[in-house]
Amino acid sequence: MMIASLLLMAGSQDLRVLVMTPTPKMHCESCENKIKKNLRFEKGVVKIETSVEAQTVTVTYNPAKTNVENIQAAMKKIGYDTKIVSDHPKEEKQKKKAK
Protein backbone atom coordinates (compact mmCIF):
# COMPACT_ATOMS: atom_id res chain seq x y z
CA MET A 1 0.00 0.00 0.00
CA MET A 2 2.79 2.43 0.89
CA ILE A 3 4.67 1.62 -2.31
CA ALA A 4 1.58 2.45 -4.37
CA SER A 5 1.28 5.81 -2.59
CA LEU A 6 4.95 6.57 -3.24
CA LEU A 7 4.58 5.69 -6.92
CA LEU A 8 1.55 7.97 -7.22
CA MET A 9 3.43 10.82 -5.55
CA ALA A 10 6.49 10.31 -7.76
CA GLY A 11 4.33 10.21 -10.88
CA SER A 12 2.56 13.47 -10.02
CA GLN A 13 5.92 15.29 -9.98
CA ASP A 14 6.36 14.53 -13.67
CA LEU A 15 3.04 16.02 -14.81
CA ARG A 16 3.01 18.95 -17.21
CA VAL A 17 0.43 21.68 -17.77
CA LEU A 18 -0.40 22.69 -21.34
CA VAL A 19 -2.39 25.86 -22.00
CA MET A 20 -3.84 26.32 -25.51
CA THR A 21 -6.19 28.70 -27.28
CA PRO A 22 -8.68 27.06 -29.64
CA THR A 23 -9.76 28.16 -33.12
CA PRO A 24 -12.66 28.48 -33.71
CA LYS A 25 -13.40 30.11 -30.38
CA MET A 26 -15.46 28.41 -27.67
CA HIS A 27 -18.81 30.16 -27.32
CA CYS A 28 -20.68 28.24 -24.65
CA GLU A 29 -20.79 25.41 -22.15
CA SER A 30 -21.56 23.00 -24.98
CA CYS A 31 -18.21 23.86 -26.63
CA GLU A 32 -16.41 23.30 -23.33
CA ASN A 33 -18.17 19.97 -22.78
CA LYS A 34 -17.31 18.78 -26.30
CA ILE A 35 -13.62 19.44 -25.64
CA LYS A 36 -13.64 17.84 -22.19
CA LYS A 37 -15.58 14.77 -23.32
CA ASN A 38 -13.19 14.07 -26.18
CA LEU A 39 -9.83 14.94 -24.60
CA ARG A 40 -10.45 12.71 -21.60
CA PHE A 41 -9.93 9.70 -23.89
CA GLU A 42 -6.39 10.78 -24.79
CA LYS A 43 -4.05 8.46 -22.90
CA GLY A 44 -2.05 10.36 -20.29
CA VAL A 45 -4.50 13.27 -19.86
CA VAL A 46 -5.10 13.76 -16.14
CA LYS A 47 -7.19 16.95 -15.96
CA ILE A 48 -8.91 19.30 -18.42
CA GLU A 49 -10.06 22.83 -17.63
CA THR A 50 -11.71 25.20 -20.08
CA SER A 51 -12.53 28.91 -19.94
CA VAL A 52 -14.84 30.57 -22.45
CA GLU A 53 -13.95 33.99 -21.00
CA ALA A 54 -10.18 33.53 -21.39
CA GLN A 55 -10.53 31.28 -24.48
CA THR A 56 -8.15 28.72 -23.00
CA VAL A 57 -8.00 24.97 -22.66
CA THR A 58 -5.69 23.84 -19.86
CA VAL A 59 -4.61 20.19 -19.92
CA THR A 60 -2.62 18.51 -17.17
CA TYR A 61 -0.92 15.48 -18.66
CA ASN A 62 1.69 12.79 -18.08
CA PRO A 63 4.49 13.28 -20.65
CA ALA A 64 5.46 9.62 -20.30
CA LYS A 65 2.10 8.69 -21.86
CA THR A 66 1.32 11.52 -24.28
CA ASN A 67 2.73 14.75 -25.70
CA VAL A 68 1.67 18.16 -26.97
CA GLU A 69 1.36 16.93 -30.56
CA ASN A 70 -1.03 14.12 -29.55
CA ILE A 71 -3.19 16.52 -27.53
CA GLN A 72 -3.30 18.99 -30.41
CA ALA A 73 -4.19 16.14 -32.80
CA ALA A 74 -7.06 15.14 -30.49
CA MET A 75 -8.32 18.74 -30.56
CA LYS A 76 -8.04 18.80 -34.36
CA LYS A 77 -10.17 15.64 -34.61
CA ILE A 78 -13.06 17.52 -32.99
CA GLY A 79 -12.63 20.59 -35.17
CA TYR A 80 -10.29 22.85 -33.20
CA ASP A 81 -6.91 24.14 -34.26
CA THR A 82 -4.84 25.23 -31.27
CA LYS A 83 -2.10 27.67 -30.44
CA ILE A 84 0.19 26.86 -27.50
CA VAL A 85 0.20 29.53 -24.80
CA SER A 86 2.46 27.57 -22.43
CA ASP A 87 3.69 24.08 -21.59
CA HIS A 88 5.41 23.76 -18.23
CA PRO A 89 5.90 21.31 -15.33
CA LYS A 90 3.04 21.21 -12.85
CA GLU A 91 3.82 23.04 -9.61
CA GLU A 92 3.65 20.88 -6.54
CA LYS A 93 1.30 21.84 -3.71
CA GLN A 94 4.11 21.20 -1.25
CA LYS A 95 6.20 23.98 -2.85
CA LYS A 96 3.33 26.42 -2.45
CA LYS A 97 2.99 25.56 1.26
CA ALA A 98 6.71 26.17 1.82
CA LYS A 99 6.41 29.79 0.66
PDB file of N, CA and C in Angstrom:
ATOM      1  N   MET A   1       0.827  -1.191   0.000  1.00  0.00           N
ATOM      2  CA  MET A   1       0.000   0.000   0.000  1.00  0.00           C
ATOM      3  C   MET A   1       0.874   1.259   0.000  1.00  0.00           C
ATOM      4  N   MET A   2       1.909   1.269   0.814  1.00  0.00           N
ATOM      5  CA  MET A   2       2.785   2.429   0.893  1.00  0.00           C
ATOM      6  C   MET A   2       3.555   2.627  -0.411  1.00  0.00           C
ATOM      7  N   ILE A   3       3.948   1.535  -1.040  1.00  0.00           N
ATOM      8  CA  ILE A   3       4.672   1.618  -2.311  1.00  0.00           C
ATOM      9  C   ILE A   3       3.783   2.257  -3.376  1.00  0.00           C
ATOM     10  N   ALA A   4       2.509   1.872  -3.400  1.00  0.00           N
ATOM     11  CA  ALA A   4       1.576   2.451  -4.369  1.00  0.00           C
ATOM     12  C   ALA A   4       1.445   3.952  -4.147  1.00  0.00           C
ATOM     13  N   SER A   5       1.380   4.377  -2.905  1.00  0.00           N
ATOM     14  CA  SER A   5       1.285   5.807  -2.590  1.00  0.00           C
ATOM     15  C   SER A   5       2.533   6.551  -3.044  1.00  0.00           C
ATOM     16  N   LEU A   6       3.703   5.942  -2.821  1.00  0.00           N
ATOM     17  CA  LEU A   6       4.952   6.571  -3.240  1.00  0.00           C
ATOM     18  C   LEU A   6       5.027   6.678  -4.756  1.00  0.00           C
ATOM     19  N   LEU A   7       4.576   5.647  -5.457  1.00  0.00           N
ATOM     20  CA  LEU A   7       4.582   5.689  -6.915  1.00  0.00           C
ATOM     21  C   LEU A   7       3.649   6.776  -7.435  1.00  0.00           C
ATOM     22  N   LEU A   8       2.483   6.920  -6.803  1.00  0.00           N
ATOM     23  CA  LEU A   8       1.554   7.972  -7.219  1.00  0.00           C
ATOM     24  C   LEU A   8       2.160   9.350  -6.987  1.00  0.00           C
ATOM     25  N   MET A   9       2.815   9.528  -5.846  1.00  0.00           N
ATOM     26  CA  MET A   9       3.429  10.817  -5.547  1.00  0.00           C
ATOM     27  C   MET A   9       4.569  11.110  -6.521  1.00  0.00           C
ATOM     28  N   ALA A  10       5.365  10.118  -6.829  1.00  0.00           N
ATOM     29  CA  ALA A  10       6.485  10.311  -7.757  1.00  0.00           C
ATOM     30  C   ALA A  10       5.966  10.632  -9.145  1.00  0.00           C
ATOM     31  N   GLY A  11       4.903   9.968  -9.565  1.00  0.00           N
ATOM     32  CA  GLY A  11       4.327  10.210 -10.880  1.00  0.00           C
ATOM     33  C   GLY A  11       3.753  11.603 -11.016  1.00  0.00           C
ATOM     34  N   SER A  12       3.178  12.147  -9.939  1.00  0.00           N
ATOM     35  CA  SER A  12       2.562  13.467 -10.023  1.00  0.00           C
ATOM     36  C   SER A  12       3.613  14.562 -10.218  1.00  0.00           C
ATOM     37  N   GLN A  13       4.865  14.304  -9.820  1.00  0.00           N
ATOM     38  CA  GLN A  13       5.918  15.293  -9.980  1.00  0.00           C
ATOM     39  C   GLN A  13       6.285  15.478 -11.447  1.00  0.00           C
ATOM     40  N   ASP A  14       5.991  14.473 -12.270  1.00  0.00           N
ATOM     41  CA  ASP A  14       6.364  14.531 -13.669  1.00  0.00           C
ATOM     42  C   ASP A  14       5.275  15.111 -14.561  1.00  0.00           C
ATOM     43  N   LEU A  15       4.142  15.491 -13.999  1.00  0.00           N
ATOM     44  CA  LEU A  15       3.045  16.016 -14.805  1.00  0.00           C
ATOM     45  C   LEU A  15       3.404  17.373 -15.385  1.00  0.00           C
ATOM     46  N   ARG A  16       2.816  17.660 -16.543  1.00  0.00           N
ATOM     47  CA  ARG A  16       3.008  18.950 -17.210  1.00  0.00           C
ATOM     48  C   ARG A  16       1.652  19.603 -17.400  1.00  0.00           C
ATOM     49  N   VAL A  17       1.656  20.919 -17.541  1.00  0.00           N
ATOM     50  CA  VAL A  17       0.430  21.682 -17.767  1.00  0.00           C
ATOM     51  C   VAL A  17       0.560  22.405 -19.100  1.00  0.00           C
ATOM     52  N   LEU A  18      -0.361  22.091 -20.002  1.00  0.00           N
ATOM     53  CA  LEU A  18      -0.401  22.689 -21.336  1.00  0.00           C
ATOM     54  C   LEU A  18      -1.577  23.644 -21.406  1.00  0.00           C
ATOM     55  N   VAL A  19      -1.323  24.875 -21.821  1.00  0.00           N
ATOM     56  CA  VAL A  19      -2.394  25.860 -22.005  1.00  0.00           C
ATOM     57  C   VAL A  19      -2.443  26.197 -23.490  1.00  0.00           C
ATOM     58  N   MET A  20      -3.647  26.067 -24.077  1.00  0.00           N
ATOM     59  CA  MET A  20      -3.844  26.324 -25.507  1.00  0.00           C
ATOM     60  C   MET A  20      -5.026  27.255 -25.715  1.00  0.00           C
ATOM     61  N   THR A  21      -5.013  27.946 -26.850  1.00  0.00           N
ATOM     62  CA  THR A  21      -6.192  28.703 -27.277  1.00  0.00           C
ATOM     63  C   THR A  21      -6.761  27.997 -28.505  1.00  0.00           C
ATOM     64  N   PRO A  22      -8.079  27.766 -28.516  1.00  0.00           N
ATOM     65  CA  PRO A  22      -8.683  27.056 -29.640  1.00  0.00           C
ATOM     66  C   PRO A  22      -9.187  27.990 -30.737  1.00  0.00           C
ATOM     67  N   THR A  23      -9.155  27.478 -31.973  1.00  0.00           N
ATOM     68  CA  THR A  23      -9.759  28.165 -33.117  1.00  0.00           C
ATOM     69  C   THR A  23     -10.579  27.124 -33.854  1.00  0.00           C
ATOM     70  N   PRO A  24     -11.867  27.295 -34.052  1.00  0.00           N
ATOM     71  CA  PRO A  24     -12.661  28.476 -33.708  1.00  0.00           C
ATOM     72  C   PRO A  24     -12.814  28.630 -32.193  1.00  0.00           C
ATOM     73  N   LYS A  25     -13.255  29.808 -31.793  1.00  0.00           N
ATOM     74  CA  LYS A  25     -13.403  30.107 -30.377  1.00  0.00           C
ATOM     75  C   LYS A  25     -14.530  29.286 -29.755  1.00  0.00           C
ATOM     76  N   MET A  26     -14.374  29.033 -28.444  1.00  0.00           N
ATOM     77  CA  MET A  26     -15.457  28.413 -27.673  1.00  0.00           C
ATOM     78  C   MET A  26     -16.486  29.505 -27.393  1.00  0.00           C
ATOM     79  N   HIS A  27     -17.761  29.167 -27.538  1.00  0.00           N
ATOM     80  CA  HIS A  27     -18.812  30.163 -27.322  1.00  0.00           C
ATOM     81  C   HIS A  27     -19.700  29.867 -26.120  1.00  0.00           C
ATOM     82  N   CYS A  28     -19.709  28.605 -25.678  1.00  0.00           N
ATOM     83  CA  CYS A  28     -20.680  28.243 -24.651  1.00  0.00           C
ATOM     84  C   CYS A  28     -20.233  27.002 -23.886  1.00  0.00           C
ATOM     85  N   GLU A  29     -21.057  26.600 -22.949  1.00  0.00           N
ATOM     86  CA  GLU A  29     -20.790  25.410 -22.150  1.00  0.00           C
ATOM     87  C   GLU A  29     -20.758  24.155 -23.020  1.00  0.00           C
ATOM     88  N   SER A  30     -21.541  24.138 -24.067  1.00  0.00           N
ATOM     89  CA  SER A  30     -21.558  22.998 -24.985  1.00  0.00           C
ATOM     90  C   SER A  30     -20.187  22.813 -25.652  1.00  0.00           C
ATOM     91  N   CYS A  31     -19.559  23.912 -26.039  1.00  0.00           N
ATOM     92  CA  CYS A  31     -18.212  23.858 -26.625  1.00  0.00           C
ATOM     93  C   CYS A  31     -17.222  23.288 -25.611  1.00  0.00           C
ATOM     94  N   GLU A  32     -17.305  23.771 -24.385  1.00  0.00           N
ATOM     95  CA  GLU A  32     -16.415  23.301 -23.326  1.00  0.00           C
ATOM     96  C   GLU A  32     -16.617  21.803 -23.084  1.00  0.00           C
ATOM     97  N   ASN A  33     -17.874  21.374 -23.022  1.00  0.00           N
ATOM     98  CA  ASN A  33     -18.170  19.969 -22.782  1.00  0.00           C
ATOM     99  C   ASN A  33     -17.676  19.078 -23.917  1.00  0.00           C
ATOM    100  N   LYS A  34     -17.793  19.545 -25.146  1.00  0.00           N
ATOM    101  CA  LYS A  34     -17.309  18.781 -26.303  1.00  0.00           C
ATOM    102  C   LYS A  34     -15.812  18.529 -26.177  1.00  0.00           C
ATOM    103  N   ILE A  35     -15.075  19.557 -25.803  1.00  0.00           N
ATOM    104  CA  ILE A  35     -13.621  19.437 -25.644  1.00  0.00           C
ATOM    105  C   ILE A  35     -13.288  18.480 -24.506  1.00  0.00           C
ATOM    106  N   LYS A  36     -13.927  18.676 -23.355  1.00  0.00           N
ATOM    107  CA  LYS A  36     -13.643  17.836 -22.186  1.00  0.00           C
ATOM    108  C   LYS A  36     -13.995  16.378 -22.445  1.00  0.00           C
ATOM    109  N   LYS A  37     -15.143  16.140 -23.062  1.00  0.00           N
ATOM    110  CA  LYS A  37     -15.582  14.766 -23.317  1.00  0.00           C
ATOM    111  C   LYS A  37     -14.638  14.030 -24.255  1.00  0.00           C
ATOM    112  N   ASN A  38     -14.064  14.719 -25.209  1.00  0.00           N
ATOM    113  CA  ASN A  38     -13.189  14.069 -26.178  1.00  0.00           C
ATOM    114  C   ASN A  38     -11.743  13.966 -25.710  1.00  0.00           C
ATOM    115  N   LEU A  39     -11.229  14.987 -25.056  1.00  0.00           N
ATOM    116  CA  LEU A  39      -9.826  14.940 -24.603  1.00  0.00           C
ATOM    117  C   LEU A  39      -9.593  13.938 -23.482  1.00  0.00           C
ATOM    118  N   ARG A  40     -10.640  13.634 -22.726  1.00  0.00           N
ATOM    119  CA  ARG A  40     -10.450  12.705 -21.597  1.00  0.00           C
ATOM    120  C   ARG A  40     -10.054  11.317 -22.069  1.00  0.00           C
ATOM    121  N   PHE A  41     -10.298  11.008 -23.353  1.00  0.00           N
ATOM    122  CA  PHE A  41      -9.931   9.703 -23.886  1.00  0.00           C
ATOM    123  C   PHE A  41      -8.475   9.637 -24.356  1.00  0.00           C
ATOM    124  N   GLU A  42      -7.805  10.773 -24.406  1.00  0.00           N
ATOM    125  CA  GLU A  42      -6.388  10.782 -24.791  1.00  0.00           C
ATOM    126  C   GLU A  42      -5.580  10.189 -23.641  1.00  0.00           C
ATOM    127  N   LYS A  43      -4.854   9.129 -23.924  1.00  0.00           N
ATOM    128  CA  LYS A  43      -4.049   8.461 -22.900  1.00  0.00           C
ATOM    129  C   LYS A  43      -3.058   9.457 -22.305  1.00  0.00           C
ATOM    130  N   GLY A  44      -2.985   9.489 -20.971  1.00  0.00           N
ATOM    131  CA  GLY A  44      -2.045  10.364 -20.291  1.00  0.00           C
ATOM    132  C   GLY A  44      -2.645  11.686 -19.829  1.00  0.00           C
ATOM    133  N   VAL A  45      -3.849  12.028 -20.302  1.00  0.00           N
ATOM    134  CA  VAL A  45      -4.499  13.266 -19.861  1.00  0.00           C
ATOM    135  C   VAL A  45      -5.075  13.033 -18.472  1.00  0.00           C
ATOM    136  N   VAL A  46      -4.701  13.901 -17.536  1.00  0.00           N
ATOM    137  CA  VAL A  46      -5.100  13.756 -16.144  1.00  0.00           C
ATOM    138  C   VAL A  46      -6.246  14.709 -15.792  1.00  0.00           C
ATOM    139  N   LYS A  47      -6.193  15.940 -16.325  1.00  0.00           N
ATOM    140  CA  LYS A  47      -7.186  16.954 -15.959  1.00  0.00           C
ATOM    141  C   LYS A  47      -7.361  17.907 -17.137  1.00  0.00           C
ATOM    142  N   ILE A  48      -8.611  18.354 -17.341  1.00  0.00           N
ATOM    143  CA  ILE A  48      -8.912  19.299 -18.418  1.00  0.00           C
ATOM    144  C   ILE A  48      -9.744  20.433 -17.827  1.00  0.00           C
ATOM    145  N   GLU A  49      -9.310  21.656 -18.051  1.00  0.00           N
ATOM    146  CA  GLU A  49     -10.063  22.835 -17.628  1.00  0.00           C
ATOM    147  C   GLU A  49     -10.251  23.731 -18.839  1.00  0.00           C
ATOM    148  N   THR A  50     -11.440  24.301 -18.968  1.00  0.00           N
ATOM    149  CA  THR A  50     -11.712  25.205 -20.082  1.00  0.00           C
ATOM    150  C   THR A  50     -12.236  26.527 -19.541  1.00  0.00           C
ATOM    151  N   SER A  51     -12.017  27.591 -20.310  1.00  0.00           N
ATOM    152  CA  SER A  51     -12.526  28.906 -19.944  1.00  0.00           C
ATOM    153  C   SER A  51     -12.983  29.628 -21.209  1.00  0.00           C
ATOM    154  N   VAL A  52     -14.292  29.826 -21.311  1.00  0.00           N
ATOM    155  CA  VAL A  52     -14.836  30.569 -22.451  1.00  0.00           C
ATOM    156  C   VAL A  52     -14.358  32.015 -22.379  1.00  0.00           C
ATOM    157  N   GLU A  53     -14.345  32.583 -21.169  1.00  0.00           N
ATOM    158  CA  GLU A  53     -13.948  33.988 -20.996  1.00  0.00           C
ATOM    159  C   GLU A  53     -12.514  34.225 -21.456  1.00  0.00           C
ATOM    160  N   ALA A  54     -11.599  33.362 -21.037  1.00  0.00           N
ATOM    161  CA  ALA A  54     -10.179  33.526 -21.386  1.00  0.00           C
ATOM    162  C   ALA A  54      -9.833  32.855 -22.717  1.00  0.00           C
ATOM    163  N   GLN A  55     -10.753  32.052 -23.249  1.00  0.00           N
ATOM    164  CA  GLN A  55     -10.533  31.284 -24.478  1.00  0.00           C
ATOM    165  C   GLN A  55      -9.309  30.385 -24.348  1.00  0.00           C
ATOM    166  N   THR A  56      -9.261  29.641 -23.216  1.00  0.00           N
ATOM    167  CA  THR A  56      -8.148  28.723 -22.996  1.00  0.00           C
ATOM    168  C   THR A  56      -8.640  27.321 -22.663  1.00  0.00           C
ATOM    169  N   VAL A  57      -7.826  26.363 -23.048  1.00  0.00           N
ATOM    170  CA  VAL A  57      -8.002  24.966 -22.659  1.00  0.00           C
ATOM    171  C   VAL A  57      -6.714  24.596 -21.936  1.00  0.00           C
ATOM    172  N   THR A  58      -6.842  24.196 -20.674  1.00  0.00           N
ATOM    173  CA  THR A  58      -5.691  23.836 -19.860  1.00  0.00           C
ATOM    174  C   THR A  58      -5.731  22.336 -19.612  1.00  0.00           C
ATOM    175  N   VAL A  59      -4.671  21.643 -20.030  1.00  0.00           N
ATOM    176  CA  VAL A  59      -4.612  20.188 -19.917  1.00  0.00           C
ATOM    177  C   VAL A  59      -3.414  19.805 -19.056  1.00  0.00           C
ATOM    178  N   THR A  60      -3.682  19.087 -17.978  1.00  0.00           N
ATOM    179  CA  THR A  60      -2.621  18.509 -17.169  1.00  0.00           C
ATOM    180  C   THR A  60      -2.415  17.096 -17.694  1.00  0.00           C
ATOM    181  N   TYR A  61      -1.168  16.776 -18.040  1.00  0.00           N
ATOM    182  CA  TYR A  61      -0.921  15.477 -18.663  1.00  0.00           C
ATOM    183  C   TYR A  61       0.383  14.858 -18.195  1.00  0.00           C
ATOM    184  N   ASN A  62       0.486  13.546 -18.414  1.00  0.00           N
ATOM    185  CA  ASN A  62       1.687  12.790 -18.081  1.00  0.00           C
ATOM    186  C   ASN A  62       2.518  12.665 -19.355  1.00  0.00           C
ATOM    187  N   PRO A  63       3.683  13.321 -19.430  1.00  0.00           N
ATOM    188  CA  PRO A  63       4.488  13.285 -20.651  1.00  0.00           C
ATOM    189  C   PRO A  63       5.076  11.912 -20.970  1.00  0.00           C
ATOM    190  N   ALA A  64       5.006  10.982 -20.027  1.00  0.00           N
ATOM    191  CA  ALA A  64       5.463   9.622 -20.303  1.00  0.00           C
ATOM    192  C   ALA A  64       4.424   8.858 -21.126  1.00  0.00           C
ATOM    193  N   LYS A  65       3.181   9.379 -21.155  1.00  0.00           N
ATOM    194  CA  LYS A  65       2.095   8.689 -21.855  1.00  0.00           C
ATOM    195  C   LYS A  65       1.577   9.433 -23.080  1.00  0.00           C
ATOM    196  N   THR A  66       1.770  10.744 -23.136  1.00  0.00           N
ATOM    197  CA  THR A  66       1.318  11.525 -24.284  1.00  0.00           C
ATOM    198  C   THR A  66       2.211  12.749 -24.440  1.00  0.00           C
ATOM    199  N   ASN A  67       1.947  13.541 -25.470  1.00  0.00           N
ATOM    200  CA  ASN A  67       2.735  14.750 -25.697  1.00  0.00           C
ATOM    201  C   ASN A  67       1.848  15.844 -26.288  1.00  0.00           C
ATOM    202  N   VAL A  68       2.419  17.007 -26.463  1.00  0.00           N
ATOM    203  CA  VAL A  68       1.675  18.156 -26.968  1.00  0.00           C
ATOM    204  C   VAL A  68       1.073  17.854 -28.336  1.00  0.00           C
ATOM    205  N   GLU A  69       1.841  17.223 -29.201  1.00  0.00           N
ATOM    206  CA  GLU A  69       1.362  16.925 -30.556  1.00  0.00           C
ATOM    207  C   GLU A  69       0.140  16.024 -30.537  1.00  0.00           C
ATOM    208  N   ASN A  70       0.129  15.014 -29.656  1.00  0.00           N
ATOM    209  CA  ASN A  70      -1.028  14.124 -29.551  1.00  0.00           C
ATOM    210  C   ASN A  70      -2.260  14.861 -29.040  1.00  0.00           C
ATOM    211  N   ILE A  71      -2.062  15.748 -28.080  1.00  0.00           N
ATOM    212  CA  ILE A  71      -3.186  16.518 -27.529  1.00  0.00           C
ATOM    213  C   ILE A  71      -3.738  17.457 -28.597  1.00  0.00           C
ATOM    214  N   GLN A  72      -2.846  18.111 -29.331  1.00  0.00           N
ATOM    215  CA  GLN A  72      -3.298  18.991 -30.406  1.00  0.00           C
ATOM    216  C   GLN A  72      -4.018  18.191 -31.496  1.00  0.00           C
ATOM    217  N   ALA A  73      -3.542  16.995 -31.800  1.00  0.00           N
ATOM    218  CA  ALA A  73      -4.194  16.142 -32.804  1.00  0.00           C
ATOM    219  C   ALA A  73      -5.595  15.749 -32.338  1.00  0.00           C
ATOM    220  N   ALA A  74      -5.744  15.468 -31.044  1.00  0.00           N
ATOM    221  CA  ALA A  74      -7.064  15.137 -30.490  1.00  0.00           C
ATOM    222  C   ALA A  74      -8.015  16.327 -30.609  1.00  0.00           C
ATOM    223  N   MET A  75      -7.497  17.528 -30.404  1.00  0.00           N
ATOM    224  CA  MET A  75      -8.320  18.741 -30.562  1.00  0.00           C
ATOM    225  C   MET A  75      -8.714  18.918 -32.026  1.00  0.00           C
ATOM    226  N   LYS A  76      -7.793  18.654 -32.918  1.00  0.00           N
ATOM    227  CA  LYS A  76      -8.041  18.799 -34.360  1.00  0.00           C
ATOM    228  C   LYS A  76      -9.140  17.836 -34.815  1.00  0.00           C
ATOM    229  N   LYS A  77      -9.156  16.635 -34.249  1.00  0.00           N
ATOM    230  CA  LYS A  77     -10.171  15.635 -34.606  1.00  0.00           C
ATOM    231  C   LYS A  77     -11.587  16.129 -34.318  1.00  0.00           C
ATOM    232  N   ILE A  78     -11.722  17.002 -33.328  1.00  0.00           N
ATOM    233  CA  ILE A  78     -13.060  17.518 -32.993  1.00  0.00           C
ATOM    234  C   ILE A  78     -13.285  18.929 -33.543  1.00  0.00           C
ATOM    235  N   GLY A  79     -12.393  19.352 -34.440  1.00  0.00           N
ATOM    236  CA  GLY A  79     -12.626  20.593 -35.171  1.00  0.00           C
ATOM    237  C   GLY A  79     -11.951  21.842 -34.650  1.00  0.00           C
ATOM    238  N   TYR A  80     -10.979  21.675 -33.757  1.00  0.00           N
ATOM    239  CA  TYR A  80     -10.293  22.847 -33.196  1.00  0.00           C
ATOM    240  C   TYR A  80      -8.802  22.832 -33.528  1.00  0.00           C
ATOM    241  N   ASP A  81      -8.346  23.901 -34.160  1.00  0.00           N
ATOM    242  CA  ASP A  81      -6.908  24.138 -34.257  1.00  0.00           C
ATOM    243  C   ASP A  81      -6.515  24.789 -32.940  1.00  0.00           C
ATOM    244  N   THR A  82      -5.262  24.651 -32.551  1.00  0.00           N
ATOM    245  CA  THR A  82      -4.842  25.225 -31.274  1.00  0.00           C
ATOM    246  C   THR A  82      -3.519  25.942 -31.403  1.00  0.00           C
ATOM    247  N   LYS A  83      -3.366  26.950 -30.564  1.00  0.00           N
ATOM    248  CA  LYS A  83      -2.102  27.673 -30.440  1.00  0.00           C
ATOM    249  C   LYS A  83      -1.635  27.468 -29.001  1.00  0.00           C
ATOM    250  N   ILE A  84      -0.370  27.099 -28.835  1.00  0.00           N
ATOM    251  CA  ILE A  84       0.191  26.865 -27.502  1.00  0.00           C
ATOM    252  C   ILE A  84       0.464  28.203 -26.813  1.00  0.00           C
ATOM    253  N   VAL A  85      -0.086  28.355 -25.621  1.00  0.00           N
ATOM    254  CA  VAL A  85       0.196  29.527 -24.796  1.00  0.00           C
ATOM    255  C   VAL A  85       1.381  29.205 -23.885  1.00  0.00           C
ATOM    256  N   SER A  86       1.354  28.007 -23.272  1.00  0.00           N
ATOM    257  CA  SER A  86       2.461  27.566 -22.426  1.00  0.00           C
ATOM    258  C   SER A  86       2.408  26.063 -22.231  1.00  0.00           C
ATOM    259  N   ASP A  87       3.550  25.503 -21.909  1.00  0.00           N
ATOM    260  CA  ASP A  87       3.689  24.084 -21.590  1.00  0.00           C
ATOM    261  C   ASP A  87       4.803  24.006 -20.553  1.00  0.00           C
ATOM    262  N   HIS A  88       4.433  23.726 -19.314  1.00  0.00           N
ATOM    263  CA  HIS A  88       5.410  23.755 -18.231  1.00  0.00           C
ATOM    264  C   HIS A  88       5.129  22.652 -17.208  1.00  0.00           C
ATOM    265  N   PRO A  89       6.122  22.309 -16.382  1.00  0.00           N
ATOM    266  CA  PRO A  89       5.899  21.312 -15.329  1.00  0.00           C
ATOM    267  C   PRO A  89       4.839  21.801 -14.347  1.00  0.00           C
ATOM    268  N   LYS A  90       4.057  20.866 -13.847  1.00  0.00           N
ATOM    269  CA  LYS A  90       3.042  21.210 -12.853  1.00  0.00           C
ATOM    270  C   LYS A  90       3.716  21.553 -11.542  1.00  0.00           C
ATOM    271  N   GLU A  91       3.270  22.640 -10.915  1.00  0.00           N
ATOM    272  CA  GLU A  91       3.816  23.036  -9.613  1.00  0.00           C
ATOM    273  C   GLU A  91       3.253  22.119  -8.548  1.00  0.00           C
ATOM    274  N   GLU A  92       4.080  21.736  -7.635  1.00  0.00           N
ATOM    275  CA  GLU A  92       3.651  20.877  -6.535  1.00  0.00           C
ATOM    276  C   GLU A  92       3.007  21.710  -5.440  1.00  0.00           C
ATOM    277  N   LYS A  93       1.973  21.161  -4.819  1.00  0.00           N
ATOM    278  CA  LYS A  93       1.295  21.839  -3.715  1.00  0.00           C
ATOM    279  C   LYS A  93       2.245  22.037  -2.547  1.00  0.00           C
ATOM    280  N   GLN A  94       3.174  21.101  -2.356  1.00  0.00           N
ATOM    281  CA  GLN A  94       4.115  21.201  -1.253  1.00  0.00           C
ATOM    282  C   GLN A  94       4.998  22.439  -1.402  1.00  0.00           C
ATOM    283  N   LYS A  95       5.366  22.784  -2.619  1.00  0.00           N
ATOM    284  CA  LYS A  95       6.196  23.981  -2.855  1.00  0.00           C
ATOM    285  C   LYS A  95       5.434  25.227  -2.474  1.00  0.00           C
ATOM    286  N   LYS A  96       4.135  25.239  -2.776  1.00  0.00           N
ATOM    287  CA  LYS A  96       3.330  26.416  -2.449  1.00  0.00           C
ATOM    288  C   LYS A  96       3.208  26.593  -0.934  1.00  0.00           C
ATOM    289  N   LYS A  97       3.109  25.489  -0.196  1.00  0.00           N
ATOM    290  CA  LYS A  97       2.991  25.560   1.260  1.00  0.00           C
ATOM    291  C   LYS A  97       4.283  26.082   1.883  1.00  0.00           C
ATOM    292  N   ALA A  98       5.413  25.771   1.279  1.00  0.00           N
ATOM    293  CA  ALA A  98       6.707  26.172   1.823  1.00  0.00           C
ATOM    294  C   ALA A  98       6.913  27.675   1.747  1.00  0.00           C
ATOM    295  N   LYS A  99       6.210  28.347   0.840  1.00  0.00           N
ATOM    296  CA  LYS A  99       6.406  29.794   0.665  1.00  0.00           C
ATOM    297  C   LYS A  99       5.726  30.611   1.716  1.00  0.00           C
TER     298      LYS A  99
END
